């Protein structure tokens, strides 16, 4: 795989960590007859979410870089660490998508899904599928993520966006209203919610939403403007 050399150090560290812990999570298997690696693309995914206090500090620092869109720096910092928990692998796969290495991100998320089957893994894979304009696959992965963690605002939000992209405006409105309330009424989620309500029922439905939520006229206008990109595709 193209990305293999880029992660040799963290992958080897993760493999060593899992070996010490008594796990069989090596990155490649030596063939007795040929002396070559039989599955170089297989990653030593770790499903444990037991993060030590020291690891939490490291991951929080990476999350802080990601929140500032300093994704290349976040990736560089992450790759200095041993990938000894699922949280390390999830961030690595997410960051590969953010730096436009979508093939690598897809492969990594697919392996995390196959190995761990976590809501976070299905969520990440669904987002990558959407990035690749594979909307139906994105919907299916995000639906599974929702099934596994129905109270996650980011999952419900991204599922709602996928529904908007596929023209399912009524269901999108439900998902995005849920995400809006779960998120503590974040304005970024509000914009998508307003768009879904507008596409579902026009000004009348948006007016009802505004009465129920107290959203400002400015937020309403922003959401209606945002809806145009989905209306053009429907």
Protein backbone atom coordinates (compact mmCIF):
# COMPACT_ATOMS: atom_id res chain seq x y z
CA UNK A 1 0.00 0.00 0.00
CA UNK A 2 1.16 3.52 -0.77
CA UNK A 3 0.92 4.69 2.80
CA UNK A 4 2.83 1.80 4.35
CA UNK A 5 6.22 3.49 4.53
CA UNK A 6 4.63 6.56 6.10
CA UNK A 7 3.52 4.59 9.14
CA UNK A 8 6.25 2.00 9.56
CA UNK A 9 7.41 3.52 12.84
CA UNK A 10 4.01 3.80 14.59
CA UNK A 11 2.86 0.46 13.18
CA UNK A 12 5.98 -1.30 14.39
CA UNK A 13 5.55 0.33 17.78
CA UNK A 14 1.96 -0.80 17.93
CA UNK A 15 2.90 -4.31 16.90
CA UNK A 16 5.55 -4.42 19.59
CA UNK A 17 3.08 -3.16 22.18
CA UNK A 18 0.52 -5.80 21.27
CA UNK A 19 3.17 -8.51 21.24
CA UNK A 20 4.33 -7.56 24.72
CA UNK A 21 0.71 -7.66 25.86
CA UNK A 22 0.37 -11.16 24.46
CA UNK A 23 -1.63 -10.23 21.35
CA UNK A 24 -1.03 -11.40 17.80
CA UNK A 25 -1.31 -8.04 16.07
CA UNK A 26 1.74 -8.00 13.82
CA UNK A 27 1.68 -5.97 10.61
CA UNK A 28 2.85 -8.73 8.31
CA UNK A 29 3.45 -12.47 8.36
CA UNK A 30 6.66 -13.96 7.04
CA UNK A 31 6.03 -16.77 4.58
CA UNK A 32 8.26 -19.74 5.41
CA UNK A 33 8.88 -20.68 1.80
CA UNK A 34 9.31 -17.34 0.10
CA UNK A 35 10.61 -15.22 2.97
CA UNK A 36 8.31 -12.33 1.95
CA UNK A 37 5.51 -10.54 3.77
CA UNK A 38 2.21 -12.19 2.87
CA UNK A 39 -0.08 -9.29 3.85
CA UNK A 40 1.80 -6.04 4.04
CA UNK A 41 -1.41 -4.01 3.93
CA UNK A 42 -2.84 -5.61 7.09
CA UNK A 43 -2.66 -3.13 9.97
CA UNK A 44 -2.19 -4.27 13.58
CA UNK A 45 -5.43 -2.65 14.74
CA UNK A 46 -5.94 -2.45 18.49
CA UNK A 47 -9.53 -2.32 19.74
CA UNK A 48 -8.83 -1.36 23.34
CA UNK A 49 -10.06 2.06 24.41
CA UNK A 50 -8.16 1.96 27.69
CA UNK A 51 -6.25 5.23 27.43
CA UNK A 52 -3.71 6.01 30.14
CA UNK A 53 -3.52 9.54 31.60
CA UNK A 54 -0.29 10.12 29.65
CA UNK A 55 -1.90 8.97 26.42
CA UNK A 56 -4.91 11.18 27.11
CA UNK A 57 -2.64 14.22 27.32
CA UNK A 58 -1.03 13.24 24.00
CA UNK A 59 -4.37 12.64 22.26
CA UNK A 60 -5.85 15.86 23.64
CA UNK A 61 -2.92 17.78 22.17
CA UNK A 62 -3.58 16.16 18.79
CA UNK A 63 -7.29 16.93 19.07
CA UNK A 64 -6.42 20.55 19.79
CA UNK A 65 -4.35 20.75 16.60
CA UNK A 66 -7.21 19.17 14.64
CA UNK A 67 -9.70 21.66 16.08
CA UNK A 68 -7.51 24.43 14.64
CA UNK A 69 -7.32 22.61 11.27
CA UNK A 70 -3.59 22.03 11.75
CA UNK A 71 -4.04 18.53 10.43
CA UNK A 72 -0.58 17.98 8.99
CA UNK A 73 1.01 18.89 12.30
CA UNK A 74 -1.48 16.66 14.12
CA UNK A 75 -0.62 13.75 11.85
CA UNK A 76 3.11 14.26 12.32
CA UNK A 77 2.70 14.35 16.09
CA UNK A 78 0.45 11.30 16.11
CA UNK A 79 2.94 9.26 14.11
CA UNK A 80 5.57 9.72 16.81
CA UNK A 81 3.39 7.68 19.18
CA UNK A 82 2.80 3.98 19.61
CA UNK A 83 -0.62 3.08 18.21
CA UNK A 84 -1.60 1.13 21.30
CA UNK A 85 -5.35 1.93 21.47
CA UNK A 86 -8.24 2.16 19.05
CA UNK A 87 -8.27 5.91 19.67
CA UNK A 88 -4.85 6.22 18.06
CA UNK A 89 -5.98 4.30 14.96
CA UNK A 90 -9.24 6.25 14.65
CA UNK A 91 -7.41 9.56 14.74
CA UNK A 92 -4.85 8.35 12.24
CA UNK A 93 -7.54 7.25 9.78
CA UNK A 94 -9.45 10.51 10.28
CA UNK A 95 -6.34 12.58 9.73
CA UNK A 96 -5.48 10.70 6.55
CA UNK A 97 -8.87 11.77 5.20
CA UNK A 98 -8.30 15.36 6.31
CA UNK A 99 -4.98 15.53 4.42
CA UNK A 100 -6.67 14.15 1.28
CA UNK A 101 -5.28 10.62 1.56
CA UNK A 102 -8.76 9.20 1.17
CA UNK A 103 -7.79 5.78 -0.18
CA UNK A 104 -5.62 5.19 2.86
CA UNK A 105 -8.31 6.53 5.19
CA UNK A 106 -10.91 4.23 3.64
CA UNK A 107 -8.66 1.20 3.98
CA UNK A 108 -7.79 2.00 7.58
CA UNK A 109 -11.40 2.62 8.63
CA UNK A 110 -12.52 -0.57 6.88
CA UNK A 111 -9.94 -2.53 8.85
CA UNK A 112 -10.97 -0.89 12.13
CA UNK A 113 -14.61 -1.72 11.35
CA UNK A 114 -13.74 -5.32 10.53
CA UNK A 115 -11.61 -5.72 13.65
CA UNK A 116 -13.49 -3.67 16.25
CA UNK A 117 -16.93 -2.91 14.83
CA UNK A 118 -17.21 0.27 16.88
CA UNK A 119 -19.61 3.16 16.31
CA UNK A 120 -16.66 5.51 15.85
CA UNK A 121 -15.18 3.30 13.14
CA UNK A 122 -18.46 3.06 11.21
CA UNK A 123 -18.87 6.83 11.61
CA UNK A 124 -15.42 7.56 10.22
CA UNK A 125 -15.91 5.14 7.33
CA UNK A 126 -19.27 6.71 6.49
CA UNK A 127 -17.74 10.19 6.38
CA UNK A 128 -14.98 8.96 4.07
CA UNK A 129 -17.54 7.37 1.76
CA UNK A 130 -19.36 10.70 1.60
CA UNK A 131 -16.09 12.44 0.81
CA UNK A 132 -15.67 10.00 -2.08
CA UNK A 133 -19.29 10.71 -3.23
CA UNK A 134 -20.31 7.14 -2.42
CA UNK A 135 -23.47 8.34 -0.72
CA UNK A 136 -25.33 5.04 -0.41
CA UNK A 137 -22.36 3.36 1.26
CA UNK A 138 -22.01 6.39 3.49
CA UNK A 139 -25.65 6.12 4.52
CA UNK A 140 -25.30 2.45 5.37
CA UNK A 141 -22.18 2.98 7.49
CA UNK A 142 -23.66 5.99 9.28
CA UNK A 143 -26.88 4.10 9.94
CA UNK A 144 -24.83 1.36 11.60
CA UNK A 145 -22.92 3.97 13.62
CA UNK A 146 -26.24 5.44 14.77
CA UNK A 147 -27.49 1.98 15.75
CA UNK A 148 -24.41 1.48 17.91
CA UNK A 149 -24.45 4.98 19.47
CA UNK A 150 -27.78 6.74 19.00
CA UNK A 151 -26.90 9.56 21.41
CA UNK A 152 -23.86 10.82 19.49
CA UNK A 153 -24.45 14.30 18.10
CA UNK A 154 -21.65 14.05 15.49
CA UNK A 155 -22.99 10.73 14.20
CA UNK A 156 -26.58 11.99 13.97
CA UNK A 157 -25.36 15.18 12.29
CA UNK A 158 -23.33 13.41 9.62
CA UNK A 159 -26.13 10.91 9.05
CA UNK A 160 -28.48 13.85 8.54
CA UNK A 161 -26.08 15.44 6.05
CA UNK A 162 -25.92 12.16 4.13
CA UNK A 163 -29.71 12.06 4.04
CA UNK A 164 -29.78 15.63 2.74
CA UNK A 165 -27.37 14.66 -0.02
CA UNK A 166 -29.57 11.73 -1.01
CA UNK A 167 -32.77 13.82 -1.07
CA UNK A 168 -34.41 12.30 2.03
CA UNK A 169 -35.32 15.67 3.49
CA UNK A 170 -37.94 14.55 5.99
CA UNK A 171 -35.70 11.97 7.63
CA UNK A 172 -32.79 14.41 7.47
CA UNK A 173 -34.83 16.98 9.39
CA UNK A 174 -35.49 14.43 12.14
CA UNK A 175 -31.83 13.42 12.41
CA UNK A 176 -30.54 16.97 12.37
CA UNK A 177 -33.08 18.17 14.94
CA UNK A 178 -31.86 15.34 17.15
CA UNK A 179 -28.22 16.27 16.51
CA UNK A 180 -28.96 19.93 17.23
CA UNK A 181 -30.42 19.16 20.64
CA UNK A 182 -27.76 16.58 21.51
CA UNK A 183 -24.99 19.02 20.54
CA UNK A 184 -26.15 21.70 22.94
CA UNK A 185 -27.65 23.70 20.06
CA UNK A 186 -24.45 24.28 18.10
CA UNK A 187 -24.91 26.80 15.31
CA UNK A 188 -23.09 24.66 12.74
CA UNK A 189 -25.67 21.91 13.31
CA UNK A 190 -28.50 24.47 13.30
CA UNK A 191 -27.61 25.52 9.76
CA UNK A 192 -27.99 21.98 8.46
CA UNK A 193 -31.20 21.46 10.43
CA UNK A 194 -32.75 24.63 9.02
CA UNK A 195 -31.76 23.54 5.51
CA UNK A 196 -33.51 20.20 5.98
CA UNK A 197 -36.67 21.81 7.33
CA UNK A 198 -36.73 24.30 4.46
CA UNK A 199 -36.29 21.60 1.83
CA UNK A 200 -38.97 19.53 3.50
CA UNK A 201 -41.65 22.19 3.87
CA UNK A 202 -40.45 25.60 2.77
CA UNK A 203 -40.99 28.84 4.68
CA UNK A 204 -43.94 27.52 6.64
CA UNK A 205 -42.00 24.70 8.21
CA UNK A 206 -39.00 26.93 8.91
CA UNK A 207 -41.27 29.46 10.62
CA UNK A 208 -42.62 26.72 12.86
CA UNK A 209 -39.07 25.57 13.64
CA UNK A 210 -38.08 29.14 14.54
CA UNK A 211 -41.01 29.46 16.93
CA UNK A 212 -40.09 26.20 18.63
CA UNK A 213 -36.34 26.83 18.91
CA UNK A 214 -35.98 30.61 19.09
CA UNK A 215 -33.39 30.65 16.30
CA UNK A 216 -32.41 34.10 15.08
CA UNK A 217 -33.41 35.53 11.70
CA UNK A 218 -29.73 35.49 10.75
CA UNK A 219 -29.44 31.77 11.52
CA UNK A 220 -32.59 31.08 9.51
CA UNK A 221 -31.24 32.99 6.52
CA UNK A 222 -27.94 31.13 6.71
CA UNK A 223 -29.70 27.76 6.81
CA UNK A 224 -31.94 28.58 3.85
CA UNK A 225 -28.90 29.68 1.84
CA UNK A 226 -27.13 26.44 2.81
CA UNK A 227 -30.11 24.43 1.54
CA UNK A 228 -29.53 25.55 -2.03
CA UNK A 229 -26.63 23.18 -2.59
CA UNK A 230 -28.86 20.21 -1.75
CA UNK A 231 -31.88 21.51 -3.68
CA UNK A 232 -29.78 21.68 -6.84
CA UNK A 233 -28.90 17.99 -6.51
CA UNK A 234 -32.41 16.75 -5.76
